[in-house]
C-alpha atoms as a PDB file:
ATOM      1  CA  MET A   1      69.178 146.935 116.105  1.00  0.00           C
ATOM      2  CA  PHE A   2      68.945 145.869 112.472  1.00  0.00           C
ATOM      3  CA  ILE A   3      72.254 147.574 111.644  1.00  0.00           C
ATOM      4  CA  ARG A   4      73.961 145.859 114.606  1.00  0.00           C
ATOM      5  CA  LEU A   5      72.660 142.446 113.523  1.00  0.00           C
ATOM      6  CA  LEU A   6      73.730 143.078 109.949  1.00  0.00           C
ATOM      7  CA  SER A   7      77.223 144.103 111.074  1.00  0.00           C
ATOM      8  CA  PHE A   8      77.495 140.998 113.264  1.00  0.00           C
ATOM      9  CA  PHE A   9      76.423 138.758 110.368  1.00  0.00           C
ATOM     10  CA  LEU A  10      78.918 140.322 107.948  1.00  0.00           C
ATOM     11  CA  CYS A  11      81.665 139.924 110.546  1.00  0.00           C
ATOM     12  CA  ILE A  12      80.928 136.207 110.899  1.00  0.00           C
ATOM     13  CA  VAL A  13      80.894 135.739 107.121  1.00  0.00           C
ATOM     14  CA  PHE A  14      84.189 137.604 106.764  1.00  0.00           C
ATOM     15  CA  LEU A  15      85.843 135.563 109.483  1.00  0.00           C
ATOM     16  CA  GLY A  16      84.609 132.365 107.909  1.00  0.00           C
ATOM     17  CA  PHE A  17      86.130 133.187 104.543  1.00  0.00           C
ATOM     18  CA  SER A  18      89.410 134.456 106.012  1.00  0.00           C
ATOM     19  CA  SER A  19      89.975 131.455 108.296  1.00  0.00           C
ATOM     20  CA  PRO A  20      93.246 129.603 107.525  1.00  0.00           C
ATOM     21  CA  VAL A  21      91.442 126.279 107.857  1.00  0.00           C
ATOM     22  CA  SER A  22      89.054 126.031 104.919  1.00  0.00           C
ATOM     23  CA  TYR A  23      87.975 122.589 103.783  1.00  0.00           C
ATOM     24  CA  ALA A  24      88.227 122.504 100.010  1.00  0.00           C
ATOM     25  CA  ALA A  25      87.221 119.728  97.648  1.00  0.00           C
ATOM     26  CA  PRO A  26      89.256 116.500  97.883  1.00  0.00           C
ATOM     27  CA  LEU A  27      91.924 115.548  95.380  1.00  0.00           C
ATOM     28  CA  LYS A  28      90.704 114.652  91.889  1.00  0.00           C
ATOM     29  CA  VAL A  29      91.853 111.041  92.144  1.00  0.00           C
ATOM     30  CA  ARG A  30      90.314 107.685  93.043  1.00  0.00           C
ATOM     31  CA  GLY A  31      92.496 107.093  96.103  1.00  0.00           C
ATOM     32  CA  ALA A  32      95.299 108.823  97.995  1.00  0.00           C
ATOM     33  CA  ILE A  33      97.316 108.757 101.195  1.00  0.00           C
ATOM     34  CA  LEU A  34     100.252 110.761 102.584  1.00  0.00           C
ATOM     35  CA  MET A  35     102.694 109.857 105.371  1.00  0.00           C
ATOM     36  CA  ASP A  36     105.506 111.545 107.269  1.00  0.00           C
ATOM     37  CA  LEU A  37     107.927 108.628 107.136  1.00  0.00           C
ATOM     38  CA  ASP A  38     110.161 109.911 109.929  1.00  0.00           C
ATOM     39  CA  LYS A  39     107.272 110.053 112.372  1.00  0.00           C
ATOM     40  CA  ILE A  40     105.380 107.101 110.820  1.00  0.00           C
ATOM     41  CA  LYS A  41     102.337 109.373 110.841  1.00  0.00           C
ATOM     42  CA  VAL A  42      99.573 109.454 108.233  1.00  0.00           C
ATOM     43  CA  LEU A  43      98.790 113.066 107.336  1.00  0.00           C
ATOM     44  CA  TYR A  44      96.000 112.603 104.806  1.00  0.00           C
ATOM     45  CA  ARG A  45      93.650 109.870 103.569  1.00  0.00           C
ATOM     46  CA  GLN A  46      91.166 109.785 100.717  1.00  0.00           C
ATOM     47  CA  ASN A  47      89.467 106.537  99.695  1.00  0.00           C
ATOM     48  CA  ASP A  48      92.702 104.833 100.714  1.00  0.00           C
ATOM     49  CA  ASN A  49      91.050 101.401 100.945  1.00  0.00           C
ATOM     50  CA  LYS A  50      89.457 101.508  97.487  1.00  0.00           C
ATOM     51  CA  LYS A  51      90.668  98.599  95.342  1.00  0.00           C
ATOM     52  CA  ILE A  52      92.368  99.702  92.120  1.00  0.00           C
ATOM     53  CA  PRO A  53      94.716  97.854  89.731  1.00  0.00           C
ATOM     54  CA  PRO A  54      98.306  98.736  90.696  1.00  0.00           C
ATOM     55  CA  ALA A  55      99.699  98.972  87.148  1.00  0.00           C
ATOM     56  CA  SER A  56     103.478  99.484  87.249  1.00  0.00           C
ATOM     57  CA  LEU A  57     103.503 100.259  90.970  1.00  0.00           C
ATOM     58  CA  THR A  58     103.747  96.455  91.070  1.00  0.00           C
ATOM     59  CA  LYS A  59     107.429  96.887  90.208  1.00  0.00           C
ATOM     60  CA  ILE A  60     108.087  98.265  93.697  1.00  0.00           C
ATOM     61  CA  MET A  61     107.347  94.800  95.073  1.00  0.00           C
ATOM     62  CA  THR A  62     109.462  93.119  92.392  1.00  0.00           C
ATOM     63  CA  MET A  63     112.410  95.379  93.179  1.00  0.00           C
ATOM     64  CA  TYR A  64     111.857  94.882  96.917  1.00  0.00           C
ATOM     65  CA  LEU A  65     112.378  91.131  96.486  1.00  0.00           C
ATOM     66  CA  VAL A  66     115.496  91.733  94.384  1.00  0.00           C
ATOM     67  CA  PHE A  67     117.027  93.906  97.095  1.00  0.00           C
ATOM     68  CA  ASP A  68     116.044  91.308  99.699  1.00  0.00           C
ATOM     69  CA  ALA A  69     117.952  88.708  97.677  1.00  0.00           C
ATOM     70  CA  ILE A  70     120.977  90.987  97.446  1.00  0.00           C
ATOM     71  CA  LYS A  71     120.917  91.629 101.190  1.00  0.00           C
ATOM     72  CA  ALA A  72     120.671  87.866 101.796  1.00  0.00           C
ATOM     73  CA  LYS A  73     123.700  87.441  99.482  1.00  0.00           C
ATOM     74  CA  LYS A  74     121.797  85.150  97.121  1.00  0.00           C
ATOM     75  CA  ILE A  75     122.775  87.459  94.268  1.00  0.00           C
ATOM     76  CA  SER A  76     124.783  90.664  93.836  1.00  0.00           C
ATOM     77  CA  LEU A  77     124.478  93.737  91.643  1.00  0.00           C
ATOM     78  CA  LYS A  78     127.066  92.163  89.345  1.00  0.00           C
ATOM     79  CA  THR A  79     125.258  88.828  89.005  1.00  0.00           C
ATOM     80  CA  LYS A  80     124.695  88.066  85.321  1.00  0.00           C
ATOM     81  CA  VAL A  81     121.243  87.167  84.044  1.00  0.00           C
ATOM     82  CA  ARG A  82     120.492  85.548  80.696  1.00  0.00           C
ATOM     83  CA  VAL A  83     117.346  86.968  79.097  1.00  0.00           C
ATOM     84  CA  SER A  84     114.882  84.318  77.954  1.00  0.00           C
ATOM     85  CA  ARG A  85     112.730  84.517  74.872  1.00  0.00           C
ATOM     86  CA  ASN A  86     109.713  84.731  77.176  1.00  0.00           C
ATOM     87  CA  ALA A  87     111.128  87.787  78.956  1.00  0.00           C
ATOM     88  CA  ALA A  88     112.166  89.506  75.739  1.00  0.00           C
ATOM     89  CA  ARG A  89     108.673  89.066  74.280  1.00  0.00           C
ATOM     90  CA  THR A  90     106.945  90.784  77.205  1.00  0.00           C
ATOM     91  CA  GLY A  91     104.681  93.576  75.991  1.00  0.00           C
ATOM     92  CA  GLY A  92     104.173  97.131  77.213  1.00  0.00           C
ATOM     93  CA  SER A  93     106.898  99.404  78.538  1.00  0.00           C
ATOM     94  CA  SER A  94     110.330  97.943  77.926  1.00  0.00           C
ATOM     95  CA  MET A  95     114.077  98.389  78.455  1.00  0.00           C
ATOM     96  CA  HIS A  96     114.517  96.718  75.027  1.00  0.00           C
ATOM     97  CA  LEU A  97     115.962  93.392  76.120  1.00  0.00           C
ATOM     98  CA  LYS A  98     116.565  90.733  73.476  1.00  0.00           C
ATOM     99  CA  ALA A  99     116.533  86.962  73.871  1.00  0.00           C
ATOM    100  CA  GLY A 100     120.010  85.783  74.757  1.00  0.00           C
ATOM    101  CA  ASP A 101     121.160  89.113  76.215  1.00  0.00           C
ATOM    102  CA  ILE A 102     123.440  88.808  79.228  1.00  0.00           C
ATOM    103  CA  VAL A 103     122.702  91.638  81.667  1.00  0.00           C
ATOM    104  CA  THR A 104     123.589  92.353  85.274  1.00  0.00           C
ATOM    105  CA  VAL A 105     121.120  92.589  88.143  1.00  0.00           C
ATOM    106  CA  GLU A 106     122.020  96.270  88.420  1.00  0.00           C
ATOM    107  CA  GLN A 107     121.103  96.893  84.779  1.00  0.00           C
ATOM    108  CA  LEU A 108     117.745  95.226  85.363  1.00  0.00           C
ATOM    109  CA  LEU A 109     117.132  97.387  88.442  1.00  0.00           C
ATOM    110  CA  TYR A 110     117.713 100.516  86.366  1.00  0.00           C
ATOM    111  CA  GLY A 111     115.502  99.055  83.645  1.00  0.00           C
ATOM    112  CA  MET A 112     112.645  98.553  86.109  1.00  0.00           C
ATOM    113  CA  ALA A 113     113.034 101.852  87.972  1.00  0.00           C
ATOM    114  CA  VAL A 114     113.708 104.183  85.036  1.00  0.00           C
ATOM    115  CA  ALA A 115     112.095 102.611  81.956  1.00  0.00           C
ATOM    116  CA  SER A 116     109.447 100.668  83.893  1.00  0.00           C
ATOM    117  CA  GLY A 117     110.644  97.678  81.906  1.00  0.00           C
ATOM    118  CA  ASN A 118     108.137  94.850  81.958  1.00  0.00           C
ATOM    119  CA  ASP A 119     110.746  92.670  80.246  1.00  0.00           C
ATOM    120  CA  ALA A 120     113.254  93.376  83.032  1.00  0.00           C
ATOM    121  CA  CYS A 121     110.748  92.182  85.647  1.00  0.00           C
ATOM    122  CA  VAL A 122     110.216  88.850  83.915  1.00  0.00           C
ATOM    123  CA  ALA A 123     113.947  88.357  83.383  1.00  0.00           C
ATOM    124  CA  ILE A 124     114.846  88.849  87.065  1.00  0.00           C
ATOM    125  CA  ALA A 125     111.827  86.827  88.223  1.00  0.00           C
ATOM    126  CA  GLU A 126     112.870  83.852  86.119  1.00  0.00           C
ATOM    127  CA  HIS A 127     116.440  84.119  87.387  1.00  0.00           C
ATOM    128  CA  LEU A 128     115.483  84.309  91.077  1.00  0.00           C
ATOM    129  CA  ALA A 129     112.564  81.869  91.211  1.00  0.00           C
ATOM    130  CA  GLY A 130     112.848  79.760  88.078  1.00  0.00           C
ATOM    131  CA  SER A 131     109.645  81.125  86.581  1.00  0.00           C
ATOM    132  CA  GLU A 132     107.450  84.198  86.698  1.00  0.00           C
ATOM    133  CA  LYS A 133     104.652  82.135  88.266  1.00  0.00           C
ATOM    134  CA  LYS A 134     106.830  81.049  91.199  1.00  0.00           C
ATOM    135  CA  PHE A 135     108.092  84.608  91.683  1.00  0.00           C
ATOM    136  CA  ILE A 136     104.512  85.923  91.873  1.00  0.00           C
ATOM    137  CA  LEU A 137     103.891  83.514  94.749  1.00  0.00           C
ATOM    138  CA  LEU A 138     106.824  85.139  96.566  1.00  0.00           C
ATOM    139  CA  MET A 139     105.372  88.579  95.862  1.00  0.00           C
ATOM    140  CA  ASN A 140     102.049  87.661  97.444  1.00  0.00           C
ATOM    141  CA  GLN A 141     103.758  86.017 100.423  1.00  0.00           C
ATOM    142  CA  LYS A 142     105.675  89.235 100.984  1.00  0.00           C
ATOM    143  CA  ALA A 143     102.470  91.243 100.679  1.00  0.00           C
ATOM    144  CA  ARG A 144     100.894  89.195 103.468  1.00  0.00           C
ATOM    145  CA  LYS A 145     103.950  89.752 105.693  1.00  0.00           C
ATOM    146  CA  LEU A 146     103.624  93.485 105.123  1.00  0.00           C
ATOM    147  CA  GLU A 147      99.902  93.277 106.003  1.00  0.00           C
ATOM    148  CA  MET A 148      98.816  94.369 102.527  1.00  0.00           C
ATOM    149  CA  ARG A 149      95.418  92.810 103.130  1.00  0.00           C
ATOM    150  CA  SER A 150      93.678  94.139 100.011  1.00  0.00           C
ATOM    151  CA  THR A 151      96.432  93.447  97.483  1.00  0.00           C
ATOM    152  CA  THR A 152      96.813  90.532  95.094  1.00  0.00           C
ATOM    153  CA  PHE A 153      99.561  90.368  92.488  1.00  0.00           C
ATOM    154  CA  LYS A 154      99.016  88.393  89.294  1.00  0.00           C
ATOM    155  CA  THR A 155     102.027  89.636  87.304  1.00  0.00           C
ATOM    156  CA  THR A 156     105.569  90.735  88.125  1.00  0.00           C
ATOM    157  CA  ASN A 157     105.216  94.050  86.334  1.00  0.00           C
ATOM    158  CA  GLY A 158     101.627  95.274  86.638  1.00  0.00           C
ATOM    159  CA  LEU A 159     100.409  94.335  83.175  1.00  0.00           C
ATOM    160  CA  PRO A 160      96.593  93.916  83.293  1.00  0.00           C
ATOM    161  CA  ALA A 161      95.343  90.687  84.858  1.00  0.00           C
ATOM    162  CA  ASN A 162      91.989  89.657  86.274  1.00  0.00           C
ATOM    163  CA  GLY A 163      91.917  89.887  90.062  1.00  0.00           C
ATOM    164  CA  GLN A 164      95.024  92.056  90.395  1.00  0.00           C
ATOM    165  CA  PHE A 165      94.250  94.884  92.823  1.00  0.00           C
ATOM    166  CA  THR A 166      95.775  97.082  95.479  1.00  0.00           C
ATOM    167  CA  THR A 167      94.828 100.122  97.573  1.00  0.00           C
ATOM    168  CA  ALA A 168      96.545 103.399  98.395  1.00  0.00           C
ATOM    169  CA  SER A 169      96.907 102.217 101.988  1.00  0.00           C
ATOM    170  CA  ASP A 170      98.556  98.955 100.914  1.00  0.00           C
ATOM    171  CA  MET A 171     100.897 100.744  98.513  1.00  0.00           C
ATOM    172  CA  LEU A 172     101.943 103.012 101.350  1.00  0.00           C
ATOM    173  CA  ALA A 173     102.703  99.974 103.531  1.00  0.00           C
ATOM    174  CA  LEU A 174     104.808  98.489 100.719  1.00  0.00           C
ATOM    175  CA  SER A 175     106.680 101.696  99.927  1.00  0.00           C
ATOM    176  CA  ARG A 176     107.275 102.642 103.560  1.00  0.00           C
ATOM    177  CA  ASN A 177     108.865  99.282 104.359  1.00  0.00           C
ATOM    178  CA  TYR A 178     110.782  99.221 101.078  1.00  0.00           C
ATOM    179  CA  ILE A 179     112.403 102.617 101.644  1.00  0.00           C
ATOM    180  CA  MET A 180     113.209 101.913 105.281  1.00  0.00           C
ATOM    181  CA  ARG A 181     114.713  98.467 104.605  1.00  0.00           C
ATOM    182  CA  HIS A 182     116.433  99.345 101.335  1.00  0.00           C
ATOM    183  CA  PRO A 183     117.207 103.097 101.235  1.00  0.00           C
ATOM    184  CA  GLU A 184     119.841 102.339  98.594  1.00  0.00           C
ATOM    185  CA  SER A 185     116.967 101.684  96.187  1.00  0.00           C
ATOM    186  CA  LEU A 186     116.368 105.430  95.853  1.00  0.00           C
ATOM    187  CA  ARG A 187     119.561 105.691  93.803  1.00  0.00           C
ATOM    188  CA  TYR A 188     117.733 103.832  91.041  1.00  0.00           C
ATOM    189  CA  HIS A 189     114.346 105.465  91.477  1.00  0.00           C
ATOM    190  CA  SER A 190     115.838 108.974  91.407  1.00  0.00           C
ATOM    191  CA  THR A 191     117.681 108.378  88.118  1.00  0.00           C
ATOM    192  CA  LYS A 192     116.063 110.418  85.357  1.00  0.00           C
ATOM    193  CA  THR A 193     117.689 108.770  82.338  1.00  0.00           C
ATOM    194  CA  TYR A 194     119.593 105.542  81.709  1.00  0.00           C
ATOM    195  CA  PHE A 195     121.103 104.031  78.564  1.00  0.00           C
ATOM    196  CA  TYR A 196     120.801 100.394  77.600  1.00  0.00           C
ATOM    197  CA  ARG A 197     122.746  99.838  74.404  1.00  0.00           C
ATOM    198  CA  ARG A 198     121.631 102.718  72.181  1.00  0.00           C
ATOM    199  CA  HIS A 199     118.286 103.121  73.905  1.00  0.00           C
ATOM    200  CA  LYS A 200     117.801 106.168  76.112  1.00  0.00           C
ATOM    201  CA  LEU A 201     115.418 105.206  78.903  1.00  0.00           C
ATOM    202  CA  LYS A 202     113.455 107.988  80.616  1.00  0.00           C
ATOM    203  CA  ASN A 203     111.835 108.157  84.036  1.00  0.00           C
ATOM    204  CA  ASN A 204     108.191 109.318  84.001  1.00  0.00           C
ATOM    205  CA  ASN A 205     108.168 110.590  87.599  1.00  0.00           C
ATOM    206  CA  PRO A 206     106.970 114.211  87.123  1.00  0.00           C
ATOM    207  CA  GLN A 207     108.738 115.465  90.254  1.00  0.00           C
ATOM    208  CA  LEU A 208     112.311 114.361  89.562  1.00  0.00           C
ATOM    209  CA  GLY A 209     114.465 117.409  88.905  1.00  0.00           C
ATOM    210  CA  LYS A 210     111.456 119.714  89.257  1.00  0.00           C
ATOM    211  CA  TYR A 211     110.252 119.361  92.843  1.00  0.00           C
ATOM    212  CA  ARG A 212     112.697 120.185  95.621  1.00  0.00           C
ATOM    213  CA  GLY A 213     113.729 117.118  97.587  1.00  0.00           C
ATOM    214  CA  ALA A 214     112.037 114.540  95.301  1.00  0.00           C
ATOM    215  CA  ASP A 215     114.055 111.329  94.921  1.00  0.00           C
ATOM    216  CA  GLY A 216     111.618 108.563  93.847  1.00  0.00           C
ATOM    217  CA  LEU A 217     109.576 106.327  93.583  1.00  0.00           C
ATOM    218  CA  LYS A 218     107.383 104.864  90.758  1.00  0.00           C
ATOM    219  CA  THR A 219     104.629 105.719  88.287  1.00  0.00           C
ATOM    220  CA  GLY A 220     102.066 103.433  86.673  1.00  0.00           C
ATOM    221  CA  TRP A 221      99.215 103.435  84.187  1.00  0.00           C
ATOM    222  CA  THR A 222      96.688 101.094  82.639  1.00  0.00           C
ATOM    223  CA  ILE A 223      93.265 101.828  81.205  1.00  0.00           C
ATOM    224  CA  ALA A 224      91.618 100.182  84.219  1.00  0.00           C
ATOM    225  CA  SER A 225      93.733 101.887  86.865  1.00  0.00           C
ATOM    226  CA  GLY A 226      94.202 105.377  85.477  1.00  0.00           C
ATOM    227  CA  TYR A 227      97.402 107.240  86.359  1.00  0.00           C
ATOM    228  CA  ASN A 228      99.073 106.043  89.563  1.00  0.00           C
ATOM    229  CA  ILE A 229     102.165 107.190  91.428  1.00  0.00           C
ATOM    230  CA  VAL A 230     104.085 106.634  94.625  1.00  0.00           C
ATOM    231  CA  SER A 231     106.341 109.608  95.271  1.00  0.00           C
ATOM    232  CA  THR A 232     108.798 110.407  98.024  1.00  0.00           C
ATOM    233  CA  GLY A 233     111.090 113.265  98.910  1.00  0.00           C
ATOM    234  CA  ARG A 234     113.056 114.744 101.775  1.00  0.00           C
ATOM    235  CA  ARG A 235     113.211 118.361 102.886  1.00  0.00           C
ATOM    236  CA  GLY A 236     115.285 118.984 105.973  1.00  0.00           C
ATOM    237  CA  GLY A 237     114.240 116.488 108.606  1.00  0.00           C
ATOM    238  CA  THR A 238     111.040 115.437 106.895  1.00  0.00           C
ATOM    239  CA  ARG A 239     110.590 112.610 104.393  1.00  0.00           C
ATOM    240  CA  LEU A 240     107.115 112.347 102.902  1.00  0.00           C
ATOM    241  CA  VAL A 241     105.660 109.415 100.991  1.00  0.00           C
ATOM    242  CA  ALA A 242     102.567 110.071  98.885  1.00  0.00           C
ATOM    243  CA  VAL A 243     100.390 107.589  96.995  1.00  0.00           C
ATOM    244  CA  ILE A 244      97.934 108.666  94.321  1.00  0.00           C
ATOM    245  CA  LEU A 245      95.789 106.149  92.456  1.00  0.00           C
ATOM    246  CA  GLY A 246      93.443 106.641  89.546  1.00  0.00           C
ATOM    247  CA  ALA A 247      94.084 110.159  88.267  1.00  0.00           C
ATOM    248  CA  GLY A 248      92.350 110.862  84.956  1.00  0.00           C
ATOM    249  CA  THR A 249      95.455 112.133  83.143  1.00  0.00           C
ATOM    250  CA  SER A 250      99.185 112.389  83.775  1.00  0.00           C
ATOM    251  CA  GLN A 251      98.766 116.162  84.153  1.00  0.00           C
ATOM    252  CA  ILE A 252      96.114 115.734  86.850  1.00  0.00           C
ATOM    253  CA  ARG A 253      98.353 113.197  88.601  1.00  0.00           C
ATOM    254  CA  ALA A 254     101.267 115.646  88.644  1.00  0.00           C
ATOM    255  CA  LYS A 255      99.115 118.569  89.764  1.00  0.00           C
ATOM    256  CA  GLU A 256      97.342 116.713  92.584  1.00  0.00           C
ATOM    257  CA  LEU A 257     100.598 115.140  93.755  1.00  0.00           C
ATOM    258  CA  LYS A 258     102.259 118.550  94.043  1.00  0.00           C
ATOM    259  CA  LYS A 259      99.289 119.924  95.985  1.00  0.00           C
ATOM    260  CA  LEU A 260      99.433 117.010  98.397  1.00  0.00           C
ATOM    261  CA  MET A 261     103.191 117.168  98.940  1.00  0.00           C
ATOM    262  CA  ASP A 262     103.149 120.964  99.333  1.00  0.00           C
ATOM    263  CA  ALA A 263     100.422 120.703 101.966  1.00  0.00           C
ATOM    264  CA  GLY A 264     102.320 117.968 103.775  1.00  0.00           C
ATOM    265  CA  TYR A 265     105.522 119.969 104.099  1.00  0.00           C
ATOM    266  CA  LYS A 266     103.648 123.090 105.226  1.00  0.00           C
ATOM    267  CA  LEU A 267     101.750 121.083 107.831  1.00  0.00           C
ATOM    268  CA  GLN A 268     104.978 119.656 109.255  1.00  0.00           C
ATOM    269  CA  LYS A 269     106.457 123.167 109.472  1.00  0.00           C
ATOM    270  CA  GLY A 270     103.415 124.364 111.400  1.00  0.00           C
ATOM    271  CA  LYS A 271     102.305 126.772 108.670  1.00  0.00           C
ATOM    272  CA  ILE A 272      98.829 125.234 108.518  1.00  0.00           C
ATOM    273  CA  ARG A 273      96.653 123.440 111.080  1.00  0.00           C
ATOM    274  CA  ASN A 274      95.012 120.969 108.713  1.00  0.00           C
ATOM    275  CA  ILE A 275      96.290 119.593 105.427  1.00  0.00           C
ATOM    276  CA  LYS A 276      92.901 120.008 103.745  1.00  0.00           C
ATOM    277  CA  SER A 277      93.259 123.774 103.927  1.00  0.00           C
ATOM    278  CA  LEU A 278      95.613 123.707 100.941  1.00  0.00           C
ATOM    279  CA  LEU A 279      93.866 121.149  98.771  1.00  0.00           C
END
């Protein structure tokens, strides 16, 4: 009897360890969410309503409003913008604008998407709304329309500001609508390098050129936020959008993002029953 019970117990243990659905530890980030954009279906959530500073993910909203203005024929890609001294003096990541420069809207879009240019954000905001302050009001109005209930923007570029927060869920709402309304934006977000004058601007998205199907979207970092990213890619008939907020390092961000995207594609192919089995 004892031998039979022991055999039964060992069998149960073996089956438990060999099961394809094992629930591992969550991602090593402060917040995350993953969506199949074609099916508008959330595949994974982790602290997706936790408020975290958006850092340069803010630029997705800024670019969204630029593309809205282009679609409304208020401006075009060839519209010329004069760079103010205020814009040129903006700190942090930069596309190296100088006061008095005359640049096109398209150049500024590349500057925001590739170099994460804080100066480019201020320049286009001043051109479209007259001032950065007025443009930020438009950003928050748009956020309300997109039902980003836990997001408040205080800058056009994500530079630190008291009371500026978002969530992984809100960033997904922003990115989902942005990609669906302006798919042409991915041409800018998927660009790995861009030259402005003699400056070679580089995209910090760790998946571009390295992860099959990756074609955007935006990274961000501040001390308060940690390492953030919204990433998207298409494989076959599946486009995934992943949001990761608050990774401890850029390496952790890249590693956890790959794990999440890999699990998402395998889930949609029916290779796993639950996305947590690969995390």
